[in-house]
Amino acid sequence: MDLTLVVILSILVLIVAVLRGLQALKHTRDTYRGAEPGTGYHEIDATYHSGGGGGGHQTTYRIPRDPQEYAKRFIPKDKPK
C-alpha cells in the first residue's frame, strides 16, 4: 500500500473522530451527569463471566453519596492527622 494513501486515510479517520467528539459534546451539553449528594450509598454490581462451563467473578461496590465521605476513602489509613 502506498504511504501517501495511508497518510490520507489516517488524516480522514482523525478528522471523523474529532467531528464525532464535537458532536457528542454538543449533544450532551445541557444534560446533567452524576448523582445528587445525600445519605446512603450507590451500589454498583460488577459481574464477570469467563464463558464456558463456569467461572467468573461477582462483586458489589458500595459508593457513598456524601462527597466528604467519598473523599475520605482516598486518604491513606496510615497517614497521621
N, C-alpha and C. Protein backbone atom coordinates (compact mmCIF):
# COMPACT_ATOMS: atom_id res chain seq x y z
N MET A 1 0.85 -1.17 0.00
CA MET A 1 0.00 0.00 0.00
C MET A 1 0.89 1.23 0.00
N ASP A 2 0.49 2.20 -0.74
CA ASP A 2 1.27 3.42 -0.88
C ASP A 2 1.21 4.23 0.42
N LEU A 3 2.35 4.80 0.81
CA LEU A 3 2.44 5.58 2.04
C LEU A 3 1.53 6.80 2.01
N THR A 4 1.38 7.41 0.84
CA THR A 4 0.51 8.58 0.72
C THR A 4 -0.94 8.22 1.05
N LEU A 5 -1.40 7.07 0.57
CA LEU A 5 -2.76 6.62 0.84
C LEU A 5 -2.95 6.37 2.34
N VAL A 6 -1.97 5.80 2.99
CA VAL A 6 -2.05 5.54 4.43
C VAL A 6 -2.15 6.86 5.20
N VAL A 7 -1.36 7.84 4.81
CA VAL A 7 -1.38 9.14 5.48
C VAL A 7 -2.74 9.82 5.27
N ILE A 8 -3.24 9.80 4.05
CA ILE A 8 -4.53 10.44 3.76
C ILE A 8 -5.66 9.77 4.54
N LEU A 9 -5.68 8.43 4.56
CA LEU A 9 -6.71 7.72 5.31
C LEU A 9 -6.59 7.97 6.81
N SER A 10 -5.38 8.06 7.31
CA SER A 10 -5.18 8.34 8.73
C SER A 10 -5.71 9.73 9.09
N ILE A 11 -5.45 10.69 8.25
CA ILE A 11 -5.93 12.06 8.49
C ILE A 11 -7.46 12.08 8.43
N LEU A 12 -8.06 11.36 7.48
CA LEU A 12 -9.52 11.31 7.39
C LEU A 12 -10.13 10.66 8.64
N VAL A 13 -9.52 9.61 9.12
CA VAL A 13 -10.02 8.96 10.34
C VAL A 13 -9.92 9.91 11.53
N LEU A 14 -8.84 10.64 11.63
CA LEU A 14 -8.67 11.61 12.71
C LEU A 14 -9.71 12.72 12.62
N ILE A 15 -9.97 13.21 11.43
CA ILE A 15 -10.98 14.27 11.25
C ILE A 15 -12.37 13.76 11.64
N VAL A 16 -12.71 12.57 11.21
CA VAL A 16 -14.02 11.99 11.57
C VAL A 16 -14.13 11.82 13.08
N ALA A 17 -13.07 11.36 13.74
CA ALA A 17 -13.10 11.16 15.19
C ALA A 17 -13.28 12.49 15.92
N VAL A 18 -12.59 13.52 15.47
CA VAL A 18 -12.72 14.84 16.12
C VAL A 18 -14.12 15.40 15.90
N LEU A 19 -14.65 15.28 14.69
CA LEU A 19 -16.00 15.77 14.43
C LEU A 19 -17.04 15.01 15.24
N ARG A 20 -16.87 13.72 15.37
CA ARG A 20 -17.80 12.92 16.18
C ARG A 20 -17.72 13.31 17.65
N GLY A 21 -16.53 13.57 18.14
CA GLY A 21 -16.37 14.01 19.53
C GLY A 21 -17.04 15.35 19.78
N LEU A 22 -16.88 16.28 18.84
CA LEU A 22 -17.53 17.59 18.97
C LEU A 22 -19.05 17.45 18.93
N GLN A 23 -19.55 16.56 18.10
CA GLN A 23 -20.98 16.33 18.02
C GLN A 23 -21.50 15.75 19.34
N ALA A 24 -20.77 14.84 19.93
CA ALA A 24 -21.19 14.24 21.20
C ALA A 24 -21.19 15.29 22.31
N LEU A 25 -20.18 16.16 22.32
CA LEU A 25 -20.14 17.22 23.34
C LEU A 25 -21.32 18.18 23.18
N LYS A 26 -21.64 18.52 21.95
CA LYS A 26 -22.74 19.43 21.70
C LYS A 26 -24.07 18.80 22.10
N HIS A 27 -24.22 17.52 21.83
CA HIS A 27 -25.46 16.81 22.13
C HIS A 27 -25.70 16.67 23.64
N THR A 28 -24.65 16.50 24.42
CA THR A 28 -24.79 16.27 25.86
C THR A 28 -24.48 17.51 26.69
N ARG A 29 -24.42 18.67 26.07
CA ARG A 29 -24.03 19.89 26.78
C ARG A 29 -24.98 20.23 27.92
N ASP A 30 -26.29 20.12 27.74
CA ASP A 30 -27.25 20.53 28.75
C ASP A 30 -27.78 19.38 29.61
N THR A 31 -27.20 18.23 29.49
CA THR A 31 -27.65 17.10 30.30
C THR A 31 -26.88 17.06 31.60
N TYR A 32 -27.55 16.60 32.65
CA TYR A 32 -26.93 16.50 33.97
C TYR A 32 -26.25 15.15 34.11
N ARG A 33 -25.03 15.17 34.57
CA ARG A 33 -24.29 13.93 34.80
C ARG A 33 -23.98 13.81 36.28
N GLY A 34 -23.86 12.60 36.74
CA GLY A 34 -23.53 12.39 38.14
C GLY A 34 -24.77 12.12 38.97
N ALA A 35 -24.60 12.20 40.27
CA ALA A 35 -25.70 11.93 41.19
C ALA A 35 -25.77 13.04 42.23
N GLU A 36 -26.96 13.26 42.74
CA GLU A 36 -27.14 14.27 43.77
C GLU A 36 -26.49 13.78 45.07
N PRO A 37 -25.81 14.69 45.80
CA PRO A 37 -25.25 14.31 47.09
C PRO A 37 -26.38 13.97 48.06
N GLY A 38 -26.09 13.14 49.02
CA GLY A 38 -27.10 12.77 50.00
C GLY A 38 -26.54 11.76 50.97
N THR A 39 -27.42 11.02 51.59
CA THR A 39 -27.00 9.98 52.52
C THR A 39 -27.17 8.63 51.85
N GLY A 40 -26.55 7.64 52.43
CA GLY A 40 -26.66 6.30 51.88
C GLY A 40 -25.55 6.01 50.88
N TYR A 41 -25.77 4.98 50.09
CA TYR A 41 -24.75 4.51 49.17
C TYR A 41 -25.35 4.20 47.80
N HIS A 42 -24.54 4.34 46.77
CA HIS A 42 -24.84 3.78 45.47
C HIS A 42 -24.28 2.37 45.48
N GLU A 43 -25.00 1.43 44.91
CA GLU A 43 -24.49 0.07 44.82
C GLU A 43 -24.26 -0.27 43.36
N ILE A 44 -23.03 -0.66 43.06
CA ILE A 44 -22.63 -1.00 41.70
C ILE A 44 -22.32 -2.49 41.66
N ASP A 45 -23.01 -3.19 40.80
CA ASP A 45 -22.80 -4.63 40.65
C ASP A 45 -21.86 -4.87 39.48
N ALA A 46 -20.71 -5.45 39.76
CA ALA A 46 -19.73 -5.76 38.72
C ALA A 46 -19.64 -7.28 38.58
N THR A 47 -20.15 -7.79 37.47
CA THR A 47 -20.16 -9.22 37.25
C THR A 47 -19.33 -9.56 36.02
N TYR A 48 -18.48 -10.57 36.16
CA TYR A 48 -17.63 -11.01 35.06
C TYR A 48 -17.84 -12.50 34.85
N HIS A 49 -18.16 -12.90 33.64
CA HIS A 49 -18.29 -14.32 33.30
C HIS A 49 -17.21 -14.66 32.28
N SER A 50 -16.43 -15.67 32.58
CA SER A 50 -15.34 -16.02 31.68
C SER A 50 -15.80 -16.91 30.54
N GLY A 51 -17.05 -17.31 30.56
CA GLY A 51 -17.56 -18.17 29.49
C GLY A 51 -17.28 -19.62 29.78
N GLY A 52 -17.77 -20.46 28.93
CA GLY A 52 -17.53 -21.88 29.11
C GLY A 52 -18.42 -22.48 30.19
N GLY A 53 -17.89 -23.47 30.86
CA GLY A 53 -18.66 -24.22 31.84
C GLY A 53 -18.67 -23.62 33.22
N GLY A 54 -18.28 -22.43 33.37
CA GLY A 54 -18.31 -21.82 34.70
C GLY A 54 -17.18 -20.83 34.85
N GLY A 55 -17.05 -20.34 36.02
CA GLY A 55 -16.02 -19.36 36.28
C GLY A 55 -16.56 -17.96 36.15
N GLY A 56 -15.81 -17.06 36.65
CA GLY A 56 -16.22 -15.67 36.62
C GLY A 56 -16.09 -15.07 38.00
N HIS A 57 -16.61 -13.88 38.16
CA HIS A 57 -16.47 -13.16 39.41
C HIS A 57 -17.61 -12.17 39.55
N GLN A 58 -18.13 -12.04 40.77
CA GLN A 58 -19.17 -11.06 41.03
C GLN A 58 -18.83 -10.27 42.28
N THR A 59 -18.90 -8.96 42.18
CA THR A 59 -18.60 -8.07 43.29
C THR A 59 -19.61 -6.94 43.30
N THR A 60 -19.97 -6.48 44.48
CA THR A 60 -20.83 -5.32 44.63
C THR A 60 -20.04 -4.24 45.35
N TYR A 61 -19.94 -3.08 44.74
CA TYR A 61 -19.24 -1.95 45.33
C TYR A 61 -20.27 -1.01 45.94
N ARG A 62 -19.97 -0.50 47.13
CA ARG A 62 -20.84 0.48 47.78
C ARG A 62 -20.10 1.81 47.80
N ILE A 63 -20.63 2.78 47.07
CA ILE A 63 -20.02 4.11 46.94
C ILE A 63 -20.88 5.10 47.72
N PRO A 64 -20.30 5.82 48.70
CA PRO A 64 -21.10 6.76 49.48
C PRO A 64 -21.59 7.94 48.63
N ARG A 65 -22.81 8.39 48.92
CA ARG A 65 -23.38 9.54 48.21
C ARG A 65 -22.83 10.86 48.75
N ASP A 66 -22.36 10.85 49.99
CA ASP A 66 -21.82 12.06 50.60
C ASP A 66 -20.43 12.35 50.03
N PRO A 67 -20.20 13.53 49.43
CA PRO A 67 -18.91 13.83 48.82
C PRO A 67 -17.75 13.80 49.81
N GLN A 68 -17.98 14.24 51.05
CA GLN A 68 -16.90 14.24 52.05
C GLN A 68 -16.51 12.81 52.43
N GLU A 69 -17.49 11.96 52.62
CA GLU A 69 -17.20 10.56 52.95
C GLU A 69 -16.50 9.86 51.78
N TYR A 70 -16.91 10.20 50.57
CA TYR A 70 -16.28 9.63 49.38
C TYR A 70 -14.81 10.04 49.31
N ALA A 71 -14.53 11.32 49.58
CA ALA A 71 -13.16 11.82 49.52
C ALA A 71 -12.29 11.19 50.59
N LYS A 72 -12.85 10.88 51.74
CA LYS A 72 -12.07 10.27 52.83
C LYS A 72 -11.53 8.90 52.44
N ARG A 73 -12.17 8.23 51.52
CA ARG A 73 -11.71 6.90 51.10
C ARG A 73 -10.37 6.95 50.36
N PHE A 74 -9.99 8.11 49.88
CA PHE A 74 -8.75 8.23 49.13
C PHE A 74 -7.57 8.63 50.00
N ILE A 75 -7.80 8.89 51.28
CA ILE A 75 -6.73 9.24 52.20
C ILE A 75 -6.16 7.95 52.77
N PRO A 76 -4.84 7.75 52.68
CA PRO A 76 -4.26 6.52 53.23
C PRO A 76 -4.53 6.39 54.72
N LYS A 77 -4.79 5.18 55.17
CA LYS A 77 -5.13 4.95 56.57
C LYS A 77 -3.95 5.17 57.50
N ASP A 78 -2.72 5.02 57.01
CA ASP A 78 -1.56 5.17 57.87
C ASP A 78 -1.05 6.61 57.92
N LYS A 79 -1.73 7.55 57.27
CA LYS A 79 -1.30 8.94 57.28
C LYS A 79 -1.70 9.59 58.61
N PRO A 80 -0.74 10.25 59.28
CA PRO A 80 -1.08 10.90 60.56
C PRO A 80 -1.99 12.11 60.33
N LYS A 81 -2.82 12.37 61.32
CA LYS A 81 -3.75 13.51 61.20
C LYS A 81 -3.19 14.76 61.75
